[in-house]
Amino acid sequence: MELIVIAAAVLSTALILSNLAGILLAAFRLKRPRTLARPPGKVPPVSIVIPSRGVEPFTEETLQRAFSLDWPRYELIFCVAHADDPVVKLINRAIVRFSKVPARLLVGDDRISANPKLNNCVKGWEAARHHWVILADSNVLMPRDYVQHLMAAWQPDTGLVCSTPIGSRPDGFWAEVECAFLNTLQARWQYTGEALGLGFAQGKSMLWKKPMLDANGGIRALAAEIAEDAAATKLVNGLGLRVNLVASPFEQPLGERRLGEIWSRQARWARLRRVTFPLFFAPEILTGVAVPLGLALVAAAGAGISLPLTALCVLALAYVPECALAWAKGWYLSPRTIPAMMVRDVMLPAIWARGWLGGAVDWRGNAMTIRTKAMTELEEGA
């Protein structure tokens, strides 16, 4: 019994310390939002490809931001799969309103993969006129210096620059839970991974050198995995290059969220990570507070220490540093942030378990069964 108590105490302490270390590493990599001036001299033109589907609460604002960038030469290429999509009217209206910015709307569905977003991007990539291309989700709230931030992260050994989304403007408690997932959990661990030399692509904003990707299969090469960001990570690493993250990640305004939406999205992402990077997904069960708290309570019970006091100490060591990171980087905080983090951490073990299971997941209205390559090849050969 004594060995169990000691082991539980040691493992709980190790997990708490690794959590703190991750927060510190991320804190050093991340910068508060700041304005970057345009580089001196002549700057390269940029194509920005924006796959769109449906109208969201902040669509008009994100469209306006895309047309208001402080970059002398850029084009916008909006992509929709179907002409009757309600977002088409908003895009066309914005193109007319901001006529000084070269912009086009392309309609069509190139089915090169099971990934609807990638299929939507193909026509935009192939129509892009410039050597620098940004693939940007339609719900990214681009700052005026959006291109500057992406370009500033490009180094001689870079193959791709990305930005994880930072949740903002939540409307209601469940949207705050979404912030807790996006910001001090997912963004934090992504920047920790980059600090450790394990840069992973994120599909929200991706800056590519078009000739480089075209020489290695073009955008269709990103169909090698069910998730385009996983395929991008493997492609770039296979070329001996790095995936870099912007110093100040870009905002994604959330608005209202429901529990079902959060579960669906997180379950899909978990399944994608499980299929594409199983060795990195496996230890995700150790993130969040559930495992270190359970181990600490086992140790406290065996040692005769107060369980409520133990739980309070573990929760404080987990959540106070998270809140400090959010405050230091100018991210969303409210009196409900810690309760939102607690709900998130209650959900994490179930989401992790869901990642190991098969079955269909929802991808913006598309029911998809996410399989490993081996499973797909086995089915095709049957």
Protein backbone atom coordinates (compact mmCIF):
# COMPACT_ATOMS: atom_id res chain seq x y z
CA MET A 1 0.00 0.00 0.00
CA GLU A 2 2.84 2.38 0.86
CA LEU A 3 4.41 1.85 -2.57
CA ILE A 4 1.09 2.69 -4.24
CA VAL A 5 0.83 5.91 -2.24
CA ILE A 6 4.39 6.92 -3.10
CA ALA A 7 3.95 6.06 -6.79
CA ALA A 8 0.69 8.00 -6.98
CA ALA A 9 2.27 11.03 -5.28
CA VAL A 10 5.33 10.95 -7.55
CA LEU A 11 3.30 10.58 -10.74
CA SER A 12 0.86 13.31 -9.75
CA THR A 13 3.73 15.67 -8.93
CA ALA A 14 5.47 14.86 -12.21
CA LEU A 15 2.32 15.62 -14.22
CA ILE A 16 1.71 18.88 -12.37
CA LEU A 17 5.33 19.95 -12.96
CA SER A 18 5.18 19.01 -16.64
CA ASN A 19 2.02 21.10 -16.96
CA LEU A 20 3.80 24.07 -15.38
CA ALA A 21 6.83 23.53 -17.61
CA GLY A 22 4.60 23.50 -20.69
CA ILE A 23 2.99 26.78 -19.64
CA LEU A 24 6.41 28.38 -19.11
CA LEU A 25 7.72 27.17 -22.48
CA ALA A 26 4.61 28.44 -24.26
CA ALA A 27 4.84 31.76 -22.40
CA PHE A 28 8.35 32.30 -23.73
CA ARG A 29 7.30 31.51 -27.32
CA LEU A 30 4.09 33.55 -27.33
CA LYS A 31 3.88 37.33 -27.57
CA ARG A 32 1.03 39.66 -26.72
CA PRO A 33 -0.83 40.97 -29.77
CA ARG A 34 1.21 43.82 -31.24
CA THR A 35 1.27 45.75 -34.50
CA LEU A 36 4.03 44.89 -36.96
CA ALA A 37 5.11 47.46 -39.51
CA ARG A 38 5.46 46.52 -43.14
CA PRO A 39 9.00 45.38 -44.00
CA PRO A 40 11.08 48.12 -45.65
CA GLY A 41 11.56 48.03 -49.39
CA LYS A 42 9.67 45.96 -51.90
CA VAL A 43 7.51 43.20 -50.45
CA PRO A 44 6.24 40.15 -52.38
CA PRO A 45 2.60 39.92 -53.49
CA VAL A 46 0.44 37.37 -51.70
CA SER A 47 -2.58 35.27 -52.65
CA ILE A 48 -5.04 34.54 -49.83
CA VAL A 49 -7.34 31.57 -50.45
CA ILE A 50 -10.40 31.50 -48.16
CA PRO A 51 -12.65 28.42 -48.24
CA SER A 52 -16.13 29.41 -47.07
CA ARG A 53 -19.31 27.61 -46.18
CA GLY A 54 -22.42 29.08 -44.60
CA VAL A 55 -22.97 32.33 -42.74
CA GLU A 56 -21.58 32.61 -39.21
CA PRO A 57 -22.23 35.33 -36.57
CA PHE A 58 -19.07 37.28 -37.48
CA THR A 59 -18.94 36.61 -41.25
CA GLU A 60 -19.43 40.23 -42.30
CA GLU A 61 -16.70 41.41 -39.92
CA THR A 62 -14.21 38.73 -40.97
CA LEU A 63 -14.88 39.59 -44.62
CA GLN A 64 -14.27 43.28 -43.96
CA ARG A 65 -11.00 42.48 -42.19
CA ALA A 66 -9.81 40.39 -45.14
CA PHE A 67 -10.29 43.38 -47.44
CA SER A 68 -8.51 45.79 -45.05
CA LEU A 69 -5.02 44.32 -44.74
CA ASP A 70 -1.96 46.56 -44.60
CA TRP A 71 -0.12 44.79 -47.42
CA PRO A 72 0.48 46.62 -50.72
CA ARG A 73 -0.21 43.75 -53.11
CA TYR A 74 -2.51 40.89 -52.29
CA GLU A 75 -5.44 39.11 -53.87
CA LEU A 76 -8.36 37.37 -52.20
CA ILE A 77 -9.73 34.13 -53.63
CA PHE A 78 -12.95 33.00 -51.98
CA CYS A 79 -14.00 29.40 -52.55
CA VAL A 80 -17.42 27.85 -52.06
CA ALA A 81 -18.56 24.40 -53.04
CA HIS A 82 -22.10 25.32 -54.08
CA ALA A 83 -23.55 28.40 -55.78
CA ASP A 84 -26.63 28.40 -53.52
CA ASP A 85 -24.58 28.74 -50.33
CA PRO A 86 -25.97 31.78 -48.42
CA VAL A 87 -22.45 33.13 -47.87
CA VAL A 88 -22.16 33.81 -51.63
CA LYS A 89 -24.29 36.96 -51.36
CA LEU A 90 -22.13 38.36 -48.56
CA ILE A 91 -18.91 37.64 -50.43
CA ASN A 92 -20.16 39.24 -53.65
CA ARG A 93 -21.36 42.28 -51.72
CA ALA A 94 -17.93 42.65 -50.10
CA ILE A 95 -16.14 42.29 -53.46
CA VAL A 96 -18.21 45.16 -54.84
CA ARG A 97 -17.81 47.30 -51.71
CA PHE A 98 -14.03 46.89 -51.52
CA SER A 99 -13.37 47.00 -55.24
CA LYS A 100 -9.80 48.31 -54.86
CA VAL A 101 -8.67 44.91 -53.54
CA PRO A 102 -8.40 42.24 -56.28
CA ALA A 103 -10.85 39.51 -55.30
CA ARG A 104 -12.63 36.59 -56.92
CA LEU A 105 -15.26 34.06 -55.92
CA LEU A 106 -14.78 30.54 -57.28
CA VAL A 107 -17.55 27.95 -57.12
CA GLY A 108 -17.08 24.20 -57.43
CA ASP A 109 -16.25 21.03 -55.54
CA ASP A 110 -13.04 19.20 -56.51
CA ARG A 111 -13.36 15.87 -54.73
CA ILE A 112 -9.74 14.92 -54.27
CA SER A 113 -10.23 13.62 -50.72
CA ALA A 114 -12.71 12.96 -47.93
CA ASN A 115 -11.80 16.37 -46.51
CA PRO A 116 -14.47 18.90 -47.63
CA LYS A 117 -12.34 21.92 -46.72
CA LEU A 118 -9.39 20.71 -48.78
CA ASN A 119 -11.69 19.93 -51.70
CA ASN A 120 -12.98 23.49 -51.50
CA CYS A 121 -9.43 24.92 -51.54
CA VAL A 122 -8.18 23.17 -54.69
CA LYS A 123 -9.61 25.61 -57.21
CA GLY A 124 -8.35 28.58 -55.21
CA TRP A 125 -4.82 27.19 -54.95
CA GLU A 126 -4.67 26.49 -58.67
CA ALA A 127 -5.99 29.97 -59.48
CA ALA A 128 -3.54 31.78 -57.18
CA ARG A 129 -1.31 34.17 -59.13
CA HIS A 130 1.46 34.70 -56.60
CA HIS A 131 4.33 32.63 -55.20
CA TRP A 132 3.26 33.22 -51.60
CA VAL A 133 -0.13 31.69 -50.77
CA ILE A 134 -2.07 31.80 -47.51
CA LEU A 135 -4.83 29.27 -46.88
CA ALA A 136 -7.07 31.00 -44.33
CA ASP A 137 -10.25 29.76 -42.70
CA SER A 138 -13.21 32.09 -43.17
CA ASN A 139 -13.69 32.62 -39.41
CA VAL A 140 -10.19 34.00 -38.78
CA LEU A 141 -10.42 37.63 -37.67
CA MET A 142 -7.41 38.95 -39.57
CA PRO A 143 -5.60 41.94 -38.04
CA ARG A 144 -4.37 44.62 -40.44
CA ASP A 145 -0.85 43.23 -40.08
CA TYR A 146 -1.97 39.63 -40.70
CA VAL A 147 0.48 39.05 -43.57
CA GLN A 148 3.33 40.69 -41.64
CA HIS A 149 2.94 38.27 -38.73
CA LEU A 150 3.00 35.26 -41.03
CA MET A 151 5.98 36.52 -43.01
CA ALA A 152 7.91 37.42 -39.84
CA ALA A 153 7.79 33.78 -38.72
CA TRP A 154 9.37 32.50 -41.95
CA GLN A 155 13.00 31.43 -41.49
CA PRO A 156 15.55 29.90 -43.91
CA ASP A 157 14.62 26.36 -42.78
CA THR A 158 10.87 26.98 -42.80
CA GLY A 159 8.50 25.00 -45.00
CA LEU A 160 5.23 26.30 -43.57
CA VAL A 161 4.02 29.00 -41.15
CA CYS A 162 0.76 28.56 -39.23
CA SER A 163 -1.33 30.09 -36.49
CA THR A 164 -3.50 28.31 -33.98
CA PRO A 165 -6.85 30.06 -33.29
CA ILE A 166 -7.33 32.05 -30.09
CA GLY A 167 -10.97 32.04 -29.01
CA SER A 168 -12.54 35.39 -28.20
CA ARG A 169 -15.94 37.05 -27.74
CA PRO A 170 -17.69 34.03 -26.23
CA ASP A 171 -21.45 34.36 -25.80
CA GLY A 172 -22.51 32.10 -22.94
CA PHE A 173 -20.83 29.51 -20.75
CA TRP A 174 -20.32 26.84 -23.40
CA ALA A 175 -18.49 29.31 -25.60
CA GLU A 176 -16.21 29.97 -22.62
CA VAL A 177 -15.58 26.23 -22.46
CA GLU A 178 -14.58 26.44 -26.13
CA CYS A 179 -12.14 29.24 -25.20
CA ALA A 180 -10.69 27.00 -22.50
CA PHE A 181 -10.08 24.28 -25.09
CA LEU A 182 -8.63 26.56 -27.77
CA ASN A 183 -6.47 28.92 -25.76
CA THR A 184 -4.73 27.72 -22.63
CA LEU A 185 -4.92 24.04 -23.59
CA GLN A 186 -4.53 23.52 -27.33
CA ALA A 187 -2.63 26.69 -28.24
CA ARG A 188 -0.42 26.31 -25.19
CA TRP A 189 0.57 22.72 -25.99
CA GLN A 190 1.09 23.57 -29.68
CA TYR A 191 3.57 26.30 -28.77
CA THR A 192 5.19 24.01 -26.21
CA GLY A 193 5.65 21.44 -28.97
CA GLU A 194 7.23 24.04 -31.23
CA ALA A 195 9.62 25.02 -28.43
CA LEU A 196 10.66 21.35 -28.20
CA GLY A 197 11.22 21.10 -31.95
CA LEU A 198 7.89 19.38 -32.64
CA GLY A 199 6.10 21.92 -34.79
CA PHE A 200 2.67 20.81 -36.00
CA ALA A 201 0.67 22.53 -38.73
CA GLN A 202 -2.69 24.10 -37.97
CA GLY A 203 -5.16 24.57 -40.79
CA LYS A 204 -6.58 27.92 -39.63
CA SER A 205 -3.89 30.05 -41.31
CA MET A 206 -1.17 28.44 -43.42
CA LEU A 207 1.51 30.39 -45.33
CA TRP A 208 3.07 28.42 -48.16
CA LYS A 209 5.65 29.04 -50.85
CA LYS A 210 3.61 27.87 -53.81
CA PRO A 211 6.56 26.71 -55.98
CA MET A 212 7.83 24.55 -53.11
CA LEU A 213 4.50 22.79 -52.55
CA ASP A 214 3.80 22.52 -56.28
CA ALA A 215 7.16 20.80 -56.76
CA ASN A 216 6.06 18.20 -54.20
CA GLY A 217 2.61 17.34 -55.45
CA GLY A 218 0.83 20.65 -55.00
CA ILE A 219 -2.24 21.07 -52.83
CA ARG A 220 -3.39 17.61 -53.86
CA ALA A 221 -0.49 16.19 -51.84
CA LEU A 222 -2.36 17.34 -48.72
CA ALA A 223 -4.95 14.66 -49.46
CA ALA A 224 -2.43 12.07 -48.25
CA GLU A 225 -4.07 12.33 -44.82
CA ILE A 226 -7.68 12.90 -43.85
CA ALA A 227 -6.64 16.22 -42.23
CA GLU A 228 -4.75 18.66 -44.44
CA ASP A 229 -2.72 20.03 -41.53
CA ALA A 230 -1.48 16.53 -40.62
CA ALA A 231 -0.49 15.91 -44.25
CA ALA A 232 1.21 19.32 -44.35
CA THR A 233 3.21 18.52 -41.20
CA LYS A 234 4.44 15.22 -42.59
CA LEU A 235 5.23 16.68 -46.02
CA VAL A 236 7.24 19.59 -44.59
CA ASN A 237 9.11 17.37 -42.12
CA GLY A 238 9.83 14.89 -44.90
CA LEU A 239 11.59 17.68 -46.81
CA GLY A 240 13.80 18.41 -43.80
CA LEU A 241 12.02 21.71 -43.15
CA ARG A 242 10.17 23.09 -40.13
CA VAL A 243 6.65 24.16 -39.32
CA ASN A 244 6.80 27.52 -37.53
CA LEU A 245 4.08 29.33 -35.61
CA VAL A 246 3.39 33.06 -35.59
CA ALA A 247 4.47 34.79 -32.38
CA SER A 248 0.99 36.24 -31.76
CA PRO A 249 -1.74 33.83 -32.88
CA PHE A 250 -4.84 35.21 -34.56
CA GLU A 251 -8.24 35.69 -33.03
CA GLN A 252 -11.32 33.61 -33.77
CA PRO A 253 -14.51 35.20 -32.41
CA LEU A 254 -16.84 32.49 -31.16
CA GLY A 255 -20.23 33.95 -30.37
CA GLU A 256 -22.69 31.41 -29.01
CA ARG A 257 -21.79 27.74 -28.64
CA ARG A 258 -23.68 24.67 -27.48
CA LEU A 259 -22.36 21.61 -25.67
CA GLY A 260 -23.17 19.39 -28.66
CA GLU A 261 -21.13 21.58 -31.00
CA ILE A 262 -18.12 21.48 -28.71
CA TRP A 263 -18.31 17.72 -28.26
CA SER A 264 -18.69 17.14 -32.01
CA ARG A 265 -15.75 19.38 -32.89
CA GLN A 266 -13.42 18.07 -30.19
CA ALA A 267 -14.34 14.44 -30.92
CA ARG A 268 -13.56 14.99 -34.61
CA TRP A 269 -10.22 16.61 -33.86
CA ALA A 270 -9.35 13.84 -31.39
CA ARG A 271 -10.13 11.17 -33.95
CA LEU A 272 -8.06 13.00 -36.57
CA ARG A 273 -5.08 13.24 -34.21
CA ARG A 274 -5.46 9.59 -33.23
CA VAL A 275 -5.44 8.47 -36.88
CA THR A 276 -2.66 10.74 -38.13
CA PHE A 277 -0.31 10.92 -35.12
CA PRO A 278 -1.18 8.00 -32.78
CA LEU A 279 2.08 8.13 -30.80
CA PHE A 280 1.53 11.79 -29.94
CA PHE A 281 -2.17 11.30 -29.29
CA ALA A 282 -1.74 8.47 -26.79
CA PRO A 283 -0.31 10.62 -23.93
CA GLU A 284 -3.02 13.27 -24.36
CA ILE A 285 -4.95 11.51 -21.58
CA LEU A 286 -2.34 13.00 -19.24
CA THR A 287 -3.21 16.59 -20.19
CA GLY A 288 -5.77 18.41 -18.11
CA VAL A 289 -6.28 17.96 -14.40
CA ALA A 290 -8.20 14.66 -14.23
CA VAL A 291 -5.26 12.23 -14.00
CA PRO A 292 -2.99 14.24 -11.65
CA LEU A 293 -5.99 15.02 -9.42
CA GLY A 294 -7.03 11.36 -9.25
CA LEU A 295 -3.47 10.29 -8.41
CA ALA A 296 -3.12 13.02 -5.79
CA LEU A 297 -6.36 11.94 -4.11
CA VAL A 298 -5.17 8.31 -4.02
CA ALA A 299 -1.91 9.43 -2.40
CA ALA A 300 -3.70 11.72 0.05
CA ALA A 301 -6.16 9.01 1.08
CA GLY A 302 -3.32 6.58 1.75
CA ALA A 303 -1.34 9.17 3.71
CA GLY A 304 -4.31 10.39 5.74
CA ILE A 305 -4.21 13.91 4.25
CA SER A 306 -7.38 15.97 3.80
CA LEU A 307 -8.94 15.14 0.42
CA PRO A 308 -10.67 18.54 -0.05
CA LEU A 309 -7.42 20.37 0.75
CA THR A 310 -5.49 18.12 -1.66
CA ALA A 311 -8.03 18.72 -4.42
CA LEU A 312 -7.91 22.48 -3.85
CA CYS A 313 -4.11 22.53 -4.05
CA VAL A 314 -4.02 20.50 -7.27
CA LEU A 315 -6.71 22.64 -8.90
CA ALA A 316 -4.90 25.83 -7.91
CA LEU A 317 -1.60 24.54 -9.30
CA ALA A 318 -3.35 23.64 -12.55
CA TYR A 319 -5.60 26.63 -13.17
CA VAL A 320 -3.85 29.64 -11.68
CA PRO A 321 -0.87 29.28 -14.10
CA GLU A 322 -3.30 28.81 -17.01
CA CYS A 323 -5.12 32.00 -16.08
CA ALA A 324 -1.80 33.79 -15.68
CA LEU A 325 -0.80 32.73 -19.20
CA ALA A 326 -4.09 34.01 -20.62
CA TRP A 327 -3.73 37.31 -18.76
CA ALA A 328 -0.10 37.76 -19.82
CA LYS A 329 -0.93 37.21 -23.50
CA GLY A 330 -4.10 39.31 -23.55
CA TRP A 331 -6.46 36.37 -24.10
CA TYR A 332 -10.05 36.18 -22.91
CA LEU A 333 -10.60 35.86 -19.15
CA SER A 334 -13.74 36.11 -17.03
CA PRO A 335 -15.04 34.96 -13.62
CA ARG A 336 -16.31 31.85 -15.42
CA THR A 337 -12.95 30.91 -16.92
CA ILE A 338 -11.93 28.49 -14.16
CA PRO A 339 -15.34 26.73 -14.08
CA ALA A 340 -15.05 26.47 -17.89
CA MET A 341 -11.59 24.91 -17.53
CA MET A 342 -12.97 22.42 -15.01
CA VAL A 343 -15.77 21.38 -17.38
CA ARG A 344 -13.22 21.08 -20.19
CA ASP A 345 -11.07 18.77 -18.06
CA VAL A 346 -14.07 16.64 -17.16
CA MET A 347 -14.72 16.22 -20.90
CA LEU A 348 -11.11 15.47 -21.87
CA PRO A 349 -10.95 11.77 -20.85
CA ALA A 350 -14.20 11.04 -22.73
CA ILE A 351 -12.93 12.91 -25.80
CA TRP A 352 -9.64 10.99 -25.64
CA ALA A 353 -11.51 7.69 -25.43
CA ARG A 354 -13.70 8.74 -28.37
CA GLY A 355 -10.56 9.34 -30.39
CA TRP A 356 -9.70 5.62 -30.20
CA LEU A 357 -13.12 4.51 -31.41
CA GLY A 358 -14.29 4.18 -34.99
CA GLY A 359 -17.63 5.34 -36.31
CA ALA A 360 -18.80 8.51 -37.99
CA VAL A 361 -18.04 12.03 -36.81
CA ASP A 362 -19.61 15.28 -37.97
CA TRP A 363 -17.60 17.70 -40.12
CA ARG A 364 -19.73 20.82 -40.69
CA GLY A 365 -22.79 18.78 -41.57
CA ASN A 366 -20.87 15.96 -43.29
CA ALA A 367 -20.96 12.56 -41.58
CA MET A 368 -17.47 11.12 -41.96
CA THR A 369 -15.81 7.90 -40.88
CA ILE A 370 -12.16 8.68 -40.14
CA ARG A 371 -9.92 5.68 -40.69
CA THR A 372 -6.22 4.97 -40.64
CA LYS A 373 -4.48 4.36 -43.97
CA ALA A 374 -4.12 0.67 -43.12
CA MET A 375 -7.85 0.31 -42.47
CA THR A 376 -8.70 2.08 -45.74
CA GLU A 377 -6.26 -0.03 -47.78
CA LEU A 378 -7.60 -3.20 -46.17
CA GLU A 379 -11.18 -2.27 -47.08
CA GLU A 380 -10.23 -1.30 -50.63
CA GLY A 381 -8.39 -4.58 -51.11
CA ALA A 382 -11.26 -6.67 -49.77
